[in-house]
Protein backbone atom coordinates (compact mmCIF):
# COMPACT_ATOMS: atom_id res chain seq x y z
CA UNK A 1 0.00 0.00 0.00
CA UNK A 2 1.15 3.50 -0.82
CA UNK A 3 0.93 6.69 1.16
CA UNK A 4 -2.56 7.55 -0.19
CA UNK A 5 -5.35 5.00 0.13
CA UNK A 6 -7.39 6.71 -2.62
CA UNK A 7 -4.42 6.51 -5.00
CA UNK A 8 -4.22 2.81 -4.13
CA UNK A 9 -7.93 2.37 -4.89
CA UNK A 10 -7.52 4.21 -8.20
CA UNK A 11 -4.54 1.95 -9.05
CA UNK A 12 -6.51 -1.17 -8.10
CA UNK A 13 -4.12 -2.17 -5.32
CA UNK A 14 -6.63 -1.48 -2.52
CA UNK A 15 -10.14 -2.91 -2.40
CA UNK A 16 -13.20 -0.78 -3.12
CA UNK A 17 -16.73 -1.31 -4.34
CA UNK A 18 -16.50 0.72 -7.52
CA UNK A 19 -19.70 2.02 -9.04
CA UNK A 20 -18.26 4.19 -11.84
CA UNK A 21 -14.95 5.04 -13.45
CA UNK A 22 -13.67 6.85 -16.50
CA UNK A 23 -10.34 8.32 -17.55
CA UNK A 24 -10.51 11.14 -15.00
CA UNK A 25 -12.35 9.89 -11.89
CA UNK A 26 -13.22 6.76 -9.94
CA UNK A 27 -16.39 6.51 -7.82
CA UNK A 28 -16.81 3.94 -5.06
CA UNK A 29 -18.78 3.34 -1.88
CA UNK A 30 -17.53 5.01 1.28
CA UNK A 31 -16.42 2.31 3.75
CA UNK A 32 -18.02 4.29 6.60
CA UNK A 33 -21.17 5.66 4.95
CA UNK A 34 -23.26 8.41 6.46
CA UNK A 35 -26.27 7.06 4.53
CA UNK A 36 -26.89 4.01 2.37
CA UNK A 37 -25.51 4.67 -1.10
CA UNK A 38 -22.85 7.18 0.11
CA UNK A 39 -20.39 7.37 -2.79
CA UNK A 40 -16.99 9.06 -3.06
CA UNK A 41 -15.84 10.52 -6.37
CA UNK A 42 -12.05 10.90 -6.55
CA UNK A 43 -9.82 12.19 -9.33
CA UNK A 44 -7.33 9.69 -10.68
CA UNK A 45 -4.57 12.30 -10.34
CA UNK A 46 -3.54 12.87 -6.74
CA UNK A 47 -4.37 16.30 -5.31
CA UNK A 48 -4.36 16.60 -1.53
CA UNK A 49 -6.57 19.71 -1.31
CA UNK A 50 -8.92 21.71 -3.47
CA UNK A 51 -6.19 24.28 -4.13
CA UNK A 52 -4.00 21.48 -5.58
CA UNK A 53 -6.76 20.10 -7.80
CA UNK A 54 -6.63 20.60 -11.54
CA UNK A 55 -9.77 22.61 -12.45
CA UNK A 56 -10.70 20.09 -15.14
CA UNK A 57 -10.51 17.23 -12.61
CA UNK A 58 -12.65 19.26 -10.19
CA UNK A 59 -15.24 19.86 -12.92
CA UNK A 60 -15.22 16.13 -13.72
CA UNK A 61 -15.79 15.24 -10.04
CA UNK A 62 -18.88 17.46 -9.88
CA UNK A 63 -20.14 16.34 -13.31
CA UNK A 64 -19.96 12.70 -12.22
CA UNK A 65 -21.38 13.60 -8.79
CA UNK A 66 -24.43 15.06 -10.56
CA UNK A 67 -24.62 11.99 -12.81
CA UNK A 68 -24.48 9.67 -9.79
CA UNK A 69 -27.14 11.74 -8.02
CA UNK A 70 -29.43 11.28 -11.01
CA UNK A 71 -28.60 7.56 -11.12
CA UNK A 72 -29.34 7.15 -7.41
CA UNK A 73 -32.85 8.57 -7.90
CA UNK A 74 -33.43 5.96 -10.61
CA UNK A 75 -32.04 3.13 -8.49
CA UNK A 76 -34.11 1.06 -6.09
CA UNK A 77 -32.56 3.12 -3.28
CA UNK A 78 -34.76 5.98 -4.60
CA UNK A 79 -33.56 8.87 -2.43
CA UNK A 80 -35.62 12.05 -2.29
CA UNK A 81 -32.53 14.26 -2.53
CA UNK A 82 -28.74 14.32 -2.52
CA UNK A 83 -25.98 16.26 -0.81
CA UNK A 84 -22.80 16.90 -2.78
CA UNK A 85 -20.09 17.68 -0.22
CA UNK A 86 -16.38 18.42 -0.59
CA UNK A 87 -14.51 18.70 2.71
CA UNK A 88 -11.33 20.71 2.13
CA UNK A 89 -8.78 20.42 4.93
CA UNK A 90 -8.79 18.91 8.42
CA UNK A 91 -10.81 21.82 9.85
CA UNK A 92 -13.54 20.93 7.32
CA UNK A 93 -13.48 17.21 8.33
CA UNK A 94 -11.31 16.00 5.42
CA UNK A 95 -9.90 12.69 6.66
CA UNK A 96 -8.08 11.46 3.53
CA UNK A 97 -5.54 13.80 1.95
CA UNK A 98 -6.81 13.28 -1.59
CA UNK A 99 -9.50 15.67 -2.84
CA UNK A 100 -12.84 13.89 -3.12
CA UNK A 101 -16.54 14.57 -3.48
CA UNK A 102 -19.13 12.91 -1.24
CA UNK A 103 -22.45 12.01 -2.90
CA UNK A 104 -24.89 11.51 0.00
CA UNK A 105 -28.39 10.20 -0.71
CA UNK A 106 -31.13 11.73 1.49
CA UNK A 107 -34.70 10.69 2.20
CA UNK A 108 -37.53 12.87 3.47
CA UNK A 109 -37.79 12.42 7.21
CA UNK A 110 -34.45 10.56 7.50
CA UNK A 111 -33.45 12.77 10.47
CA UNK A 112 -29.84 12.63 9.34
CA UNK A 113 -27.76 15.52 10.56
CA UNK A 114 -24.36 15.76 8.95
CA UNK A 115 -22.48 16.52 12.18
CA UNK A 116 -24.02 13.46 13.87
CA UNK A 117 -23.60 11.39 10.71
CA UNK A 118 -19.87 12.08 10.72
CA UNK A 119 -19.63 10.36 14.10
CA UNK A 120 -22.00 7.41 13.52
CA UNK A 121 -21.05 5.88 10.20
CA UNK A 122 -21.86 2.26 9.38
CA UNK A 123 -21.84 0.17 6.19
CA UNK A 124 -25.23 -0.90 4.82
CA UNK A 125 -24.78 -4.14 2.82
CA UNK A 126 -22.14 -2.61 0.54
CA UNK A 127 -22.26 -5.26 -2.22
CA UNK A 128 -26.02 -4.93 -2.65
CA UNK A 129 -25.81 -1.14 -2.37
CA UNK A 130 -23.13 -0.91 -5.08
CA UNK A 131 -25.24 -3.16 -7.33
CA UNK A 132 -28.28 -0.91 -6.83
CA UNK A 133 -26.27 2.19 -7.78
CA UNK A 134 -24.85 0.50 -10.88
CA UNK A 135 -28.41 -0.53 -11.86
CA UNK A 136 -29.46 3.12 -11.49
CA UNK A 137 -26.58 4.12 -13.77
CA UNK A 138 -27.75 1.53 -16.33
CA UNK A 139 -31.32 2.90 -16.15
CA UNK A 140 -30.01 6.41 -16.59
CA UNK A 141 -28.00 5.42 -19.68
CA UNK A 142 -31.05 3.91 -21.38
CA UNK A 143 -33.11 6.98 -20.51
CA UNK A 144 -30.58 9.72 -21.34
CA UNK A 145 -27.24 8.64 -22.81
CA UNK A 146 -24.66 11.41 -22.23
C-alpha atoms as a PDB file:
ATOM      1  CA  UNK A   1       0.000   0.000   0.000  1.00  0.00           C
ATOM      2  CA  UNK A   2       1.147   3.497  -0.820  1.00  0.00           C
ATOM      3  CA  UNK A   3       0.928   6.688   1.164  1.00  0.00           C
ATOM      4  CA  UNK A   4      -2.558   7.549  -0.190  1.00  0.00           C
ATOM      5  CA  UNK A   5      -5.355   5.000   0.128  1.00  0.00           C
ATOM      6  CA  UNK A   6      -7.389   6.712  -2.619  1.00  0.00           C
ATOM      7  CA  UNK A   7      -4.417   6.510  -5.001  1.00  0.00           C
ATOM      8  CA  UNK A   8      -4.217   2.806  -4.125  1.00  0.00           C
ATOM      9  CA  UNK A   9      -7.927   2.372  -4.889  1.00  0.00           C
ATOM     10  CA  UNK A  10      -7.521   4.205  -8.204  1.00  0.00           C
ATOM     11  CA  UNK A  11      -4.544   1.946  -9.050  1.00  0.00           C
ATOM     12  CA  UNK A  12      -6.512  -1.169  -8.105  1.00  0.00           C
ATOM     13  CA  UNK A  13      -4.118  -2.171  -5.317  1.00  0.00           C
ATOM     14  CA  UNK A  14      -6.626  -1.484  -2.515  1.00  0.00           C
ATOM     15  CA  UNK A  15     -10.144  -2.908  -2.403  1.00  0.00           C
ATOM     16  CA  UNK A  16     -13.198  -0.783  -3.124  1.00  0.00           C
ATOM     17  CA  UNK A  17     -16.725  -1.311  -4.339  1.00  0.00           C
ATOM     18  CA  UNK A  18     -16.503   0.724  -7.516  1.00  0.00           C
ATOM     19  CA  UNK A  19     -19.700   2.016  -9.038  1.00  0.00           C
ATOM     20  CA  UNK A  20     -18.256   4.187 -11.839  1.00  0.00           C
ATOM     21  CA  UNK A  21     -14.948   5.041 -13.451  1.00  0.00           C
ATOM     22  CA  UNK A  22     -13.671   6.846 -16.497  1.00  0.00           C
ATOM     23  CA  UNK A  23     -10.340   8.320 -17.553  1.00  0.00           C
ATOM     24  CA  UNK A  24     -10.508  11.143 -14.998  1.00  0.00           C
ATOM     25  CA  UNK A  25     -12.353   9.893 -11.887  1.00  0.00           C
ATOM     26  CA  UNK A  26     -13.219   6.760  -9.936  1.00  0.00           C
ATOM     27  CA  UNK A  27     -16.391   6.512  -7.820  1.00  0.00           C
ATOM     28  CA  UNK A  28     -16.808   3.942  -5.055  1.00  0.00           C
ATOM     29  CA  UNK A  29     -18.782   3.338  -1.881  1.00  0.00           C
ATOM     30  CA  UNK A  30     -17.530   5.014   1.281  1.00  0.00           C
ATOM     31  CA  UNK A  31     -16.421   2.306   3.754  1.00  0.00           C
ATOM     32  CA  UNK A  32     -18.017   4.294   6.595  1.00  0.00           C
ATOM     33  CA  UNK A  33     -21.168   5.659   4.955  1.00  0.00           C
ATOM     34  CA  UNK A  34     -23.259   8.412   6.457  1.00  0.00           C
ATOM     35  CA  UNK A  35     -26.273   7.064   4.530  1.00  0.00           C
ATOM     36  CA  UNK A  36     -26.891   4.011   2.367  1.00  0.00           C
ATOM     37  CA  UNK A  37     -25.509   4.674  -1.098  1.00  0.00           C
ATOM     38  CA  UNK A  38     -22.849   7.181   0.106  1.00  0.00           C
ATOM     39  CA  UNK A  39     -20.387   7.371  -2.786  1.00  0.00           C
ATOM     40  CA  UNK A  40     -16.994   9.063  -3.060  1.00  0.00           C
ATOM     41  CA  UNK A  41     -15.839  10.516  -6.371  1.00  0.00           C
ATOM     42  CA  UNK A  42     -12.050  10.899  -6.546  1.00  0.00           C
ATOM     43  CA  UNK A  43      -9.823  12.190  -9.333  1.00  0.00           C
ATOM     44  CA  UNK A  44      -7.332   9.689 -10.681  1.00  0.00           C
ATOM     45  CA  UNK A  45      -4.569  12.301 -10.344  1.00  0.00           C
ATOM     46  CA  UNK A  46      -3.541  12.869  -6.738  1.00  0.00           C
ATOM     47  CA  UNK A  47      -4.365  16.296  -5.314  1.00  0.00           C
ATOM     48  CA  UNK A  48      -4.361  16.602  -1.526  1.00  0.00           C
ATOM     49  CA  UNK A  49      -6.567  19.707  -1.315  1.00  0.00           C
ATOM     50  CA  UNK A  50      -8.923  21.715  -3.470  1.00  0.00           C
ATOM     51  CA  UNK A  51      -6.188  24.279  -4.125  1.00  0.00           C
ATOM     52  CA  UNK A  52      -3.998  21.480  -5.580  1.00  0.00           C
ATOM     53  CA  UNK A  53      -6.757  20.096  -7.795  1.00  0.00           C
ATOM     54  CA  UNK A  54      -6.626  20.604 -11.543  1.00  0.00           C
ATOM     55  CA  UNK A  55      -9.770  22.607 -12.450  1.00  0.00           C
ATOM     56  CA  UNK A  56     -10.698  20.086 -15.143  1.00  0.00           C
ATOM     57  CA  UNK A  57     -10.513  17.234 -12.614  1.00  0.00           C
ATOM     58  CA  UNK A  58     -12.653  19.262 -10.195  1.00  0.00           C
ATOM     59  CA  UNK A  59     -15.236  19.863 -12.922  1.00  0.00           C
ATOM     60  CA  UNK A  60     -15.222  16.132 -13.719  1.00  0.00           C
ATOM     61  CA  UNK A  61     -15.795  15.245 -10.038  1.00  0.00           C
ATOM     62  CA  UNK A  62     -18.881  17.460  -9.884  1.00  0.00           C
ATOM     63  CA  UNK A  63     -20.143  16.344 -13.307  1.00  0.00           C
ATOM     64  CA  UNK A  64     -19.957  12.700 -12.218  1.00  0.00           C
ATOM     65  CA  UNK A  65     -21.383  13.603  -8.792  1.00  0.00           C
ATOM     66  CA  UNK A  66     -24.430  15.059 -10.558  1.00  0.00           C
ATOM     67  CA  UNK A  67     -24.617  11.992 -12.815  1.00  0.00           C
ATOM     68  CA  UNK A  68     -24.482   9.674  -9.789  1.00  0.00           C
ATOM     69  CA  UNK A  69     -27.139  11.745  -8.024  1.00  0.00           C
ATOM     70  CA  UNK A  70     -29.435  11.282 -11.014  1.00  0.00           C
ATOM     71  CA  UNK A  71     -28.603   7.561 -11.116  1.00  0.00           C
ATOM     72  CA  UNK A  72     -29.345   7.153  -7.406  1.00  0.00           C
ATOM     73  CA  UNK A  73     -32.851   8.569  -7.900  1.00  0.00           C
ATOM     74  CA  UNK A  74     -33.433   5.963 -10.607  1.00  0.00           C
ATOM     75  CA  UNK A  75     -32.040   3.134  -8.490  1.00  0.00           C
ATOM     76  CA  UNK A  76     -34.112   1.062  -6.092  1.00  0.00           C
ATOM     77  CA  UNK A  77     -32.565   3.117  -3.282  1.00  0.00           C
ATOM     78  CA  UNK A  78     -34.763   5.979  -4.595  1.00  0.00           C
ATOM     79  CA  UNK A  79     -33.562   8.872  -2.427  1.00  0.00           C
ATOM     80  CA  UNK A  80     -35.624  12.055  -2.292  1.00  0.00           C
ATOM     81  CA  UNK A  81     -32.528  14.255  -2.532  1.00  0.00           C
ATOM     82  CA  UNK A  82     -28.745  14.319  -2.516  1.00  0.00           C
ATOM     83  CA  UNK A  83     -25.984  16.264  -0.815  1.00  0.00           C
ATOM     84  CA  UNK A  84     -22.799  16.897  -2.779  1.00  0.00           C
ATOM     85  CA  UNK A  85     -20.087  17.677  -0.225  1.00  0.00           C
ATOM     86  CA  UNK A  86     -16.385  18.416  -0.588  1.00  0.00           C
ATOM     87  CA  UNK A  87     -14.506  18.702   2.714  1.00  0.00           C
ATOM     88  CA  UNK A  88     -11.334  20.710   2.131  1.00  0.00           C
ATOM     89  CA  UNK A  89      -8.779  20.420   4.932  1.00  0.00           C
ATOM     90  CA  UNK A  90      -8.788  18.914   8.421  1.00  0.00           C
ATOM     91  CA  UNK A  91     -10.808  21.818   9.854  1.00  0.00           C
ATOM     92  CA  UNK A  92     -13.536  20.927   7.321  1.00  0.00           C
ATOM     93  CA  UNK A  93     -13.479  17.210   8.327  1.00  0.00           C
ATOM     94  CA  UNK A  94     -11.306  16.001   5.417  1.00  0.00           C
ATOM     95  CA  UNK A  95      -9.895  12.688   6.662  1.00  0.00           C
ATOM     96  CA  UNK A  96      -8.076  11.460   3.530  1.00  0.00           C
ATOM     97  CA  UNK A  97      -5.536  13.796   1.954  1.00  0.00           C
ATOM     98  CA  UNK A  98      -6.813  13.281  -1.593  1.00  0.00           C
ATOM     99  CA  UNK A  99      -9.500  15.673  -2.839  1.00  0.00           C
ATOM    100  CA  UNK A 100     -12.843  13.891  -3.124  1.00  0.00           C
ATOM    101  CA  UNK A 101     -16.544  14.572  -3.481  1.00  0.00           C
ATOM    102  CA  UNK A 102     -19.132  12.913  -1.245  1.00  0.00           C
ATOM    103  CA  UNK A 103     -22.450  12.013  -2.898  1.00  0.00           C
ATOM    104  CA  UNK A 104     -24.888  11.508   0.001  1.00  0.00           C
ATOM    105  CA  UNK A 105     -28.388  10.196  -0.710  1.00  0.00           C
ATOM    106  CA  UNK A 106     -31.133  11.727   1.486  1.00  0.00           C
ATOM    107  CA  UNK A 107     -34.705  10.693   2.204  1.00  0.00           C
ATOM    108  CA  UNK A 108     -37.535  12.872   3.466  1.00  0.00           C
ATOM    109  CA  UNK A 109     -37.789  12.416   7.212  1.00  0.00           C
ATOM    110  CA  UNK A 110     -34.449  10.560   7.505  1.00  0.00           C
ATOM    111  CA  UNK A 111     -33.451  12.772  10.470  1.00  0.00           C
ATOM    112  CA  UNK A 112     -29.840  12.631   9.340  1.00  0.00           C
ATOM    113  CA  UNK A 113     -27.759  15.523  10.564  1.00  0.00           C
ATOM    114  CA  UNK A 114     -24.359  15.762   8.954  1.00  0.00           C
ATOM    115  CA  UNK A 115     -22.480  16.523  12.180  1.00  0.00           C
ATOM    116  CA  UNK A 116     -24.019  13.460  13.867  1.00  0.00           C
ATOM    117  CA  UNK A 117     -23.598  11.393  10.713  1.00  0.00           C
ATOM    118  CA  UNK A 118     -19.875  12.078  10.716  1.00  0.00           C
ATOM    119  CA  UNK A 119     -19.633  10.364  14.095  1.00  0.00           C
ATOM    120  CA  UNK A 120     -22.004   7.413  13.521  1.00  0.00           C
ATOM    121  CA  UNK A 121     -21.050   5.884  10.201  1.00  0.00           C
ATOM    122  CA  UNK A 122     -21.858   2.261   9.380  1.00  0.00           C
ATOM    123  CA  UNK A 123     -21.837   0.168   6.191  1.00  0.00           C
ATOM    124  CA  UNK A 124     -25.228  -0.900   4.820  1.00  0.00           C
ATOM    125  CA  UNK A 125     -24.783  -4.142   2.816  1.00  0.00           C
ATOM    126  CA  UNK A 126     -22.139  -2.607   0.535  1.00  0.00           C
ATOM    127  CA  UNK A 127     -22.255  -5.256  -2.224  1.00  0.00           C
ATOM    128  CA  UNK A 128     -26.020  -4.927  -2.653  1.00  0.00           C
ATOM    129  CA  UNK A 129     -25.811  -1.138  -2.375  1.00  0.00           C
ATOM    130  CA  UNK A 130     -23.132  -0.909  -5.085  1.00  0.00           C
ATOM    131  CA  UNK A 131     -25.241  -3.164  -7.327  1.00  0.00           C
ATOM    132  CA  UNK A 132     -28.282  -0.906  -6.833  1.00  0.00           C
ATOM    133  CA  UNK A 133     -26.273   2.190  -7.783  1.00  0.00           C
ATOM    134  CA  UNK A 134     -24.854   0.495 -10.885  1.00  0.00           C
ATOM    135  CA  UNK A 135     -28.411  -0.531 -11.861  1.00  0.00           C
ATOM    136  CA  UNK A 136     -29.456   3.120 -11.492  1.00  0.00           C
ATOM    137  CA  UNK A 137     -26.579   4.125 -13.775  1.00  0.00           C
ATOM    138  CA  UNK A 138     -27.755   1.535 -16.327  1.00  0.00           C
ATOM    139  CA  UNK A 139     -31.323   2.902 -16.154  1.00  0.00           C
ATOM    140  CA  UNK A 140     -30.006   6.414 -16.587  1.00  0.00           C
ATOM    141  CA  UNK A 141     -28.002   5.419 -19.676  1.00  0.00           C
ATOM    142  CA  UNK A 142     -31.055   3.909 -21.379  1.00  0.00           C
ATOM    143  CA  UNK A 143     -33.106   6.981 -20.514  1.00  0.00           C
ATOM    144  CA  UNK A 144     -30.583   9.716 -21.345  1.00  0.00           C
ATOM    145  CA  UNK A 145     -27.241   8.636 -22.807  1.00  0.00           C
ATOM    146  CA  UNK A 146     -24.664  11.410 -22.230  1.00  0.00           C
END
